Amino acid sequence: MVLKQLFLMAGVAAIIPMALISCSKEEAKPTLVTSADDELPIVDVDVVYAADVAQTKQYTANVEAFNSNNISPATMNRIKSINVEVGDRVNKGQVLATLDQSAITQLKVNLDQIEREYNRALQLLNIGSGTQAAVDQYKAQLDAARTQYDNLLENTVLTSPVSGVVTARNYDPGDMSGTMPILTVGQINPAVKIIINITENDLGGVKTGMPVDVTFDAFPGEDFKGKIVRIYPNIDPATRTFQAEVQVNNPQSRLFPGMFARVSLDHGTANHVVVPDRAVVKQTGSGNRYVYVYNNGRVSYNKVELGRQDGNRYEILSGVNDGDTVVIAGQTRLADGVEVQLKEK
């Protein structure tokens, strides 16, 4: 009897904790239930508007000499000496190279002989023993011989036609001159030129005489002024671009051929929507850009065409309208048509 009562008491004791546990679970349920609004993505938004955006475009190219002169003889000849190296500054009239002059000796002997015959014929004419025909004949021979001699002399002592810098050297002393120039001299003072490629869309906004701003990696933080001096009429079929020549003053010869330049052209302003850069989302695996536009509790995934970036803002050419509300934070959980809730401000 006693054992029976003990078993009954043990059973009751086992049931009581289970009942307590069950009751505690029933009381915890309300604290775990969350509303549907709490599960929606929370986003931060901003209203965007159209503004006047400066249409400054930048083009990159290399500096070129204002004029390039190829130094070569008229005929092939043996090179005796080259007096300059690439990068050397040269003055107008400076001797750059000399070639073999062995042929000049014979020409000089012939020239001197003809000159003596001419002078003798002239003396005979003056004393009445000669004829004008003989004088004219020797004069023609003398002019031809002197021209031949001067040409050969000019082509064996090569001088620079301009002041500039040596940009190329293609031979060494002892070589025979060939089809390539022996030297190339680039004129860099008082100006250099930069050839930029203009797209068909931008060509209408580029005019001869248009001022430009130019910067160089070699001179960080320093701006140079230039202008468009000519626009080439031919279009490159591969790139669909026109070439425009920019002239930059270089009175101190600081700019050299080959320097990397950035040319900025001011095309005025255009009225376009401007959005914070945080609103622009790049699609993974492509170059496409998107902006989430908020409307009546949902977002749409709008593909946009970007224009210029100005600080922390992007110019939008298409895809977002003036007055739209765009998402600027919280895009990670979004997709087209998703319902969202706004971040409390």
Protein backbone atom coordinates (compact mmCIF):
# COMPACT_ATOMS: atom_id res chain seq x y z
CA MET A 1 0.00 0.00 0.00
CA VAL A 2 2.74 2.34 0.93
CA LEU A 3 4.62 1.46 -2.24
CA LYS A 4 1.57 2.22 -4.33
CA GLN A 5 1.25 5.66 -2.77
CA LEU A 6 4.92 6.32 -3.41
CA PHE A 7 4.53 5.45 -7.08
CA LEU A 8 1.52 7.75 -7.39
CA MET A 9 3.40 10.63 -5.75
CA ALA A 10 6.40 10.15 -8.09
CA GLY A 11 4.13 10.24 -11.11
CA VAL A 12 2.49 13.46 -9.99
CA ALA A 13 5.91 15.00 -9.36
CA ALA A 14 7.01 14.11 -12.91
CA ILE A 15 3.85 15.58 -14.45
CA ILE A 16 4.09 18.94 -12.64
CA PRO A 17 7.45 20.09 -14.27
CA MET A 18 6.18 19.11 -17.73
CA ALA A 19 3.07 21.19 -17.16
CA LEU A 20 5.18 24.15 -16.01
CA ILE A 21 7.40 23.88 -19.09
CA SER A 22 4.36 23.72 -21.35
CA CYS A 23 2.87 26.82 -19.71
CA SER A 24 6.10 28.76 -20.04
CA LYS A 25 6.22 28.04 -23.78
CA GLU A 26 2.66 29.24 -24.24
CA GLU A 27 3.55 32.58 -22.58
CA ALA A 28 6.74 33.18 -24.77
CA LYS A 29 4.97 33.03 -28.19
CA PRO A 30 3.76 36.66 -28.32
CA THR A 31 7.30 37.97 -27.95
CA LEU A 32 8.51 35.98 -31.00
CA VAL A 33 5.78 37.07 -33.36
CA THR A 34 6.91 39.92 -35.69
CA SER A 35 4.78 42.01 -37.94
CA ALA A 36 5.04 41.86 -41.74
CA ASP A 37 6.32 45.45 -41.86
CA ASP A 38 9.37 44.50 -39.79
CA GLU A 39 10.48 42.01 -42.47
CA LEU A 40 10.52 44.53 -45.33
CA PRO A 41 13.86 45.95 -46.43
CA ILE A 42 14.55 49.33 -44.89
CA VAL A 43 15.85 51.92 -47.34
CA ASP A 44 17.00 55.50 -47.23
CA VAL A 45 15.78 57.73 -50.06
CA ASP A 46 16.35 61.16 -51.54
CA VAL A 47 14.40 63.28 -54.00
CA VAL A 48 16.45 64.25 -57.08
CA TYR A 49 16.07 67.23 -59.36
CA ALA A 50 17.45 68.50 -62.66
CA ALA A 51 20.28 71.03 -62.60
CA ASP A 52 22.60 72.76 -65.04
CA VAL A 53 25.65 70.51 -65.44
CA ALA A 54 28.90 71.74 -66.98
CA GLN A 55 29.61 69.77 -70.15
CA THR A 56 33.39 69.68 -69.86
CA LYS A 57 34.95 66.76 -71.69
CA GLN A 58 38.50 65.50 -71.40
CA TYR A 59 40.65 64.05 -74.15
CA THR A 60 44.04 62.40 -73.75
CA ALA A 61 46.96 62.46 -76.18
CA ASN A 62 50.72 62.91 -76.41
CA VAL A 63 52.62 66.10 -77.04
CA GLU A 64 54.09 66.51 -80.53
CA ALA A 65 56.64 68.98 -81.86
CA PHE A 66 55.08 72.02 -83.53
CA ASN A 67 57.18 71.22 -86.62
CA SER A 68 59.37 68.20 -87.32
CA ASN A 69 62.29 68.48 -89.74
CA ASN A 70 63.93 65.37 -91.18
CA ILE A 71 67.64 65.93 -91.78
CA SER A 72 68.84 63.97 -94.82
CA PRO A 73 71.16 64.45 -97.81
CA ALA A 74 69.74 64.62 -101.33
CA THR A 75 71.79 61.58 -102.40
CA MET A 76 73.20 58.57 -100.57
CA ASN A 77 76.58 59.22 -99.03
CA ARG A 78 78.91 57.96 -96.33
CA ILE A 79 78.33 59.57 -92.92
CA LYS A 80 81.56 60.90 -91.41
CA SER A 81 80.26 62.33 -88.13
CA ILE A 82 77.08 63.01 -86.15
CA ASN A 83 77.47 65.82 -83.66
CA VAL A 84 74.26 65.49 -81.58
CA GLU A 85 72.29 62.88 -79.67
CA VAL A 86 68.57 62.35 -79.11
CA GLY A 87 67.29 64.91 -76.61
CA ASP A 88 69.94 67.53 -77.37
CA ARG A 89 68.75 71.09 -77.91
CA VAL A 90 70.01 72.61 -81.17
CA ASN A 91 69.99 76.08 -82.69
CA LYS A 92 69.05 77.13 -86.17
CA GLY A 93 72.07 76.79 -88.49
CA GLN A 94 73.97 74.47 -86.12
CA VAL A 95 76.01 71.73 -87.87
CA LEU A 96 74.42 68.39 -87.01
CA ALA A 97 76.30 65.91 -89.22
CA THR A 98 78.98 65.79 -91.91
CA LEU A 99 79.23 63.38 -94.84
CA ASP A 100 82.05 62.27 -97.11
CA GLN A 101 83.32 65.27 -99.12
CA SER A 102 85.74 63.51 -101.51
CA ALA A 103 83.57 64.39 -104.53
CA ILE A 104 83.63 68.07 -103.58
CA THR A 105 87.37 68.37 -104.33
CA GLN A 106 86.91 67.56 -108.00
CA LEU A 107 83.87 69.83 -108.24
CA LYS A 108 85.86 72.67 -106.67
CA VAL A 109 88.69 72.22 -109.21
CA ASN A 110 86.16 72.26 -112.05
CA LEU A 111 84.40 75.32 -110.62
CA ASP A 112 87.67 77.25 -110.28
CA GLN A 113 88.65 76.39 -113.88
CA ILE A 114 85.34 77.58 -115.32
CA GLU A 115 85.52 80.75 -113.23
CA ARG A 116 88.98 81.53 -114.66
CA GLU A 117 87.74 80.97 -118.22
CA TYR A 118 84.80 83.25 -117.57
CA ASN A 119 86.99 86.03 -116.17
CA ARG A 120 89.36 85.71 -119.19
CA ALA A 121 86.45 85.94 -121.63
CA LEU A 122 85.13 88.97 -119.78
CA GLN A 123 88.54 90.71 -119.98
CA LEU A 124 88.79 90.00 -123.71
CA LEU A 125 85.35 91.46 -124.23
CA ASN A 126 86.32 94.60 -122.37
CA ILE A 127 89.40 95.20 -124.61
CA GLY A 128 87.49 94.39 -127.79
CA SER A 129 89.10 91.04 -128.51
CA GLY A 130 86.29 88.82 -127.27
CA THR A 131 82.61 88.26 -127.92
CA GLN A 132 79.51 88.53 -125.77
CA ALA A 133 78.52 85.01 -126.85
CA ALA A 134 81.70 83.57 -125.28
CA VAL A 135 81.05 85.48 -122.06
CA ASP A 136 77.45 84.26 -121.92
CA GLN A 137 78.57 80.67 -122.57
CA TYR A 138 81.13 80.68 -119.74
CA LYS A 139 78.65 82.47 -117.46
CA ALA A 140 76.07 79.67 -117.93
CA GLN A 141 78.71 77.03 -117.27
CA LEU A 142 79.89 78.88 -114.18
CA ASP A 143 76.36 79.17 -112.76
CA ALA A 144 75.71 75.45 -113.32
CA ALA A 145 79.03 74.42 -111.75
CA ARG A 146 78.50 76.69 -108.76
CA THR A 147 74.96 75.33 -108.21
CA GLN A 148 76.24 71.76 -108.37
CA TYR A 149 79.05 72.57 -105.94
CA ASP A 150 76.76 74.40 -103.50
CA ASN A 151 74.22 71.56 -103.56
CA LEU A 152 76.86 68.96 -102.85
CA LEU A 153 78.36 71.10 -100.11
CA GLU A 154 74.92 71.57 -98.57
CA ASN A 155 74.36 67.81 -98.63
CA THR A 156 77.65 66.97 -96.95
CA VAL A 157 77.40 69.50 -94.12
CA LEU A 158 73.92 69.11 -92.64
CA THR A 159 72.64 71.97 -90.47
CA SER A 160 69.44 72.43 -88.50
CA PRO A 161 66.82 74.58 -90.23
CA VAL A 162 65.16 75.46 -86.90
CA SER A 163 65.91 75.73 -83.22
CA GLY A 164 64.52 72.73 -81.38
CA VAL A 165 65.33 69.34 -79.91
CA VAL A 166 66.64 66.17 -81.56
CA THR A 167 63.83 63.61 -81.46
CA ALA A 168 65.34 60.79 -83.57
CA ARG A 169 68.71 59.48 -84.78
CA ASN A 170 68.75 56.58 -87.23
CA TYR A 171 72.42 56.12 -88.19
CA ASP A 172 75.94 56.05 -86.78
CA PRO A 173 79.17 57.45 -88.24
CA GLY A 174 80.44 55.18 -91.03
CA ASP A 175 76.93 54.19 -92.19
CA MET A 176 75.66 54.92 -95.67
CA SER A 177 72.66 57.25 -95.58
CA GLY A 178 69.50 55.63 -96.86
CA THR A 179 65.77 56.22 -97.07
CA MET A 180 65.38 57.17 -93.40
CA PRO A 181 66.47 60.62 -92.20
CA ILE A 182 69.79 60.76 -90.40
CA LEU A 183 68.25 62.94 -87.69
CA THR A 184 64.88 64.49 -86.84
CA VAL A 185 64.67 67.89 -85.17
CA GLY A 186 61.42 68.93 -83.52
CA GLN A 187 60.54 72.58 -83.05
CA ILE A 188 59.09 73.02 -79.54
CA ASN A 189 59.47 76.75 -79.08
CA PRO A 190 57.38 78.91 -79.02
CA ALA A 191 54.68 76.21 -79.03
CA VAL A 192 53.91 72.49 -79.22
CA LYS A 193 50.85 70.71 -80.56
CA ILE A 194 48.53 67.98 -79.32
CA ILE A 195 46.26 65.96 -81.66
CA ILE A 196 43.00 64.88 -79.98
CA ASN A 197 40.20 62.68 -81.35
CA ILE A 198 36.71 64.23 -81.35
CA THR A 199 33.59 62.07 -81.69
CA GLU A 200 30.96 62.86 -84.27
CA ASN A 201 28.52 63.83 -81.51
CA ASP A 202 30.95 66.37 -80.05
CA LEU A 203 32.24 67.76 -83.33
CA GLY A 204 29.50 70.39 -83.56
CA GLY A 205 30.67 71.95 -80.30
CA VAL A 206 34.33 72.25 -81.33
CA LYS A 207 35.41 75.37 -83.21
CA THR A 208 38.72 76.73 -84.48
CA GLY A 209 40.10 79.22 -81.95
CA MET A 210 38.24 77.56 -79.06
CA PRO A 211 40.25 77.86 -75.79
CA VAL A 212 41.18 74.68 -73.92
CA ASP A 213 42.76 73.77 -70.59
CA VAL A 214 45.64 71.31 -70.64
CA THR A 215 47.31 69.42 -67.80
CA PHE A 216 50.40 67.21 -67.87
CA ASP A 217 51.41 64.35 -65.60
CA ALA A 218 54.91 65.84 -65.59
CA PHE A 219 53.56 69.03 -63.95
CA PRO A 220 50.87 67.96 -61.43
CA GLY A 221 48.57 70.72 -60.25
CA GLU A 222 49.63 73.11 -63.01
CA ASP A 223 47.25 74.25 -65.75
CA PHE A 224 48.35 75.24 -69.25
CA LYS A 225 46.28 77.24 -71.72
CA GLY A 226 45.87 76.26 -75.34
CA LYS A 227 43.50 76.64 -78.27
CA ILE A 228 42.10 74.66 -81.20
CA VAL A 229 44.01 75.78 -84.29
CA ARG A 230 42.58 73.39 -86.90
CA ILE A 231 40.10 70.56 -87.31
CA TYR A 232 40.95 67.82 -89.79
CA PRO A 233 38.09 67.13 -92.25
CA ASN A 234 38.64 63.37 -92.52
CA ILE A 235 36.97 60.90 -90.18
CA ASP A 236 38.73 57.76 -88.96
CA PRO A 237 36.45 54.89 -90.09
CA ALA A 238 37.73 52.63 -87.30
CA THR A 239 37.02 54.98 -84.38
CA ARG A 240 34.47 57.30 -86.03
CA THR A 241 36.40 60.31 -84.75
CA PHE A 242 37.82 63.51 -86.20
CA GLN A 243 41.23 64.91 -85.31
CA ALA A 244 41.63 68.37 -83.85
CA GLU A 245 44.97 70.09 -83.39
CA VAL A 246 45.57 71.91 -80.11
CA GLN A 247 48.37 74.45 -79.84
CA VAL A 248 49.95 75.08 -76.41
CA ASN A 249 52.43 77.89 -75.86
CA ASN A 250 55.85 76.66 -74.74
CA PRO A 251 58.12 79.72 -74.54
CA GLN A 252 60.37 78.15 -71.89
CA SER A 253 60.62 74.79 -73.74
CA ARG A 254 59.28 72.87 -70.73
CA LEU A 255 57.05 70.63 -72.83
CA PHE A 256 58.66 67.87 -74.88
CA PRO A 257 57.33 65.48 -77.54
CA GLY A 258 55.89 62.30 -76.00
CA MET A 259 54.61 63.88 -72.77
CA PHE A 260 51.14 62.67 -71.74
CA ALA A 261 48.51 65.42 -71.85
CA ARG A 262 44.87 65.82 -70.80
CA VAL A 263 42.91 68.37 -72.81
CA SER A 264 39.64 69.72 -71.36
CA LEU A 265 37.04 71.33 -73.65
CA ASP A 266 34.13 73.36 -72.28
CA HIS A 267 30.94 72.50 -74.18
CA GLY A 268 28.72 74.76 -72.05
CA THR A 269 26.00 73.38 -69.74
CA ALA A 270 23.05 71.00 -70.02
CA ASN A 271 20.00 70.60 -67.77
CA HIS A 272 20.01 66.98 -66.52
CA VAL A 273 18.93 65.08 -63.43
CA VAL A 274 21.70 64.73 -60.86
CA VAL A 275 21.75 61.87 -58.33
CA PRO A 276 24.04 61.06 -55.38
CA ASP A 277 26.73 58.57 -56.32
CA ARG A 278 25.42 56.27 -53.55
CA ALA A 279 22.24 55.76 -55.57
CA VAL A 280 24.05 54.24 -58.56
CA VAL A 281 24.34 50.43 -58.54
CA LYS A 282 26.59 48.50 -60.94
CA GLN A 283 25.13 45.27 -62.26
CA THR A 284 27.40 42.32 -61.51
CA GLY A 285 29.08 40.90 -64.60
CA SER A 286 28.30 43.87 -66.85
CA GLY A 287 29.01 47.54 -67.26
CA ASN A 288 25.36 48.50 -66.83
CA ARG A 289 24.37 50.96 -64.10
CA TYR A 290 21.03 51.06 -62.29
CA VAL A 291 19.13 53.22 -59.80
CA TYR A 292 16.26 52.05 -57.56
CA VAL A 293 13.35 54.48 -57.81
CA TYR A 294 10.87 54.49 -54.90
CA ASN A 295 7.13 54.91 -55.54
CA ASN A 296 4.16 54.02 -53.32
CA GLY A 297 6.04 51.59 -51.09
CA ARG A 298 7.83 49.72 -53.85
CA VAL A 299 11.01 50.17 -55.87
CA SER A 300 11.68 49.82 -59.58
CA TYR A 301 15.07 48.84 -60.99
CA ASN A 302 15.82 51.53 -63.60
CA LYS A 303 18.74 51.23 -65.99
CA VAL A 304 20.45 54.61 -66.32
CA GLU A 305 22.92 56.28 -68.67
CA LEU A 306 25.55 58.17 -66.75
CA GLY A 307 27.07 61.46 -67.80
CA ARG A 308 29.80 63.32 -65.91
CA GLN A 309 30.72 62.73 -62.29
CA ASP A 310 30.98 65.92 -60.27
CA GLY A 311 32.29 65.20 -56.79
CA ASN A 312 29.79 62.87 -55.10
CA ARG A 313 27.09 63.30 -57.75
CA TYR A 314 26.40 61.74 -61.14
CA GLU A 315 24.75 63.36 -64.11
CA ILE A 316 21.95 61.10 -65.40
CA LEU A 317 21.27 61.27 -69.12
CA SER A 318 18.34 58.82 -69.06
CA GLY A 319 16.51 56.45 -66.70
CA VAL A 320 15.54 58.82 -63.86
CA ASN A 321 13.16 61.78 -64.07
CA ASP A 322 13.16 65.17 -62.41
CA GLY A 323 11.51 64.86 -58.97
CA ASP A 324 11.89 61.07 -58.63
CA THR A 325 12.63 59.56 -55.24
CA VAL A 326 15.69 57.31 -55.41
CA VAL A 327 17.19 54.85 -52.95
CA ILE A 328 20.56 55.98 -51.60
CA ALA A 329 21.12 53.26 -48.95
CA GLY A 330 19.88 49.72 -48.32
CA GLN A 331 20.06 48.36 -51.89
CA THR A 332 21.56 44.98 -50.95
CA ARG A 333 18.18 43.25 -50.42
CA LEU A 334 16.33 44.96 -53.23
CA ALA A 335 15.04 43.76 -56.58
CA ASP A 336 12.66 45.14 -59.15
CA GLY A 337 9.15 45.52 -57.69
CA VAL A 338 10.13 44.71 -54.09
CA GLU A 339 8.05 46.29 -51.32
CA VAL A 340 10.15 48.33 -48.88
CA GLN A 341 9.79 50.54 -45.86
CA LEU A 342 11.47 53.89 -45.45
CA LYS A 343 14.11 54.54 -42.86
CA GLU A 344 12.88 56.80 -40.10
CA LYS A 345 14.52 60.20 -40.08
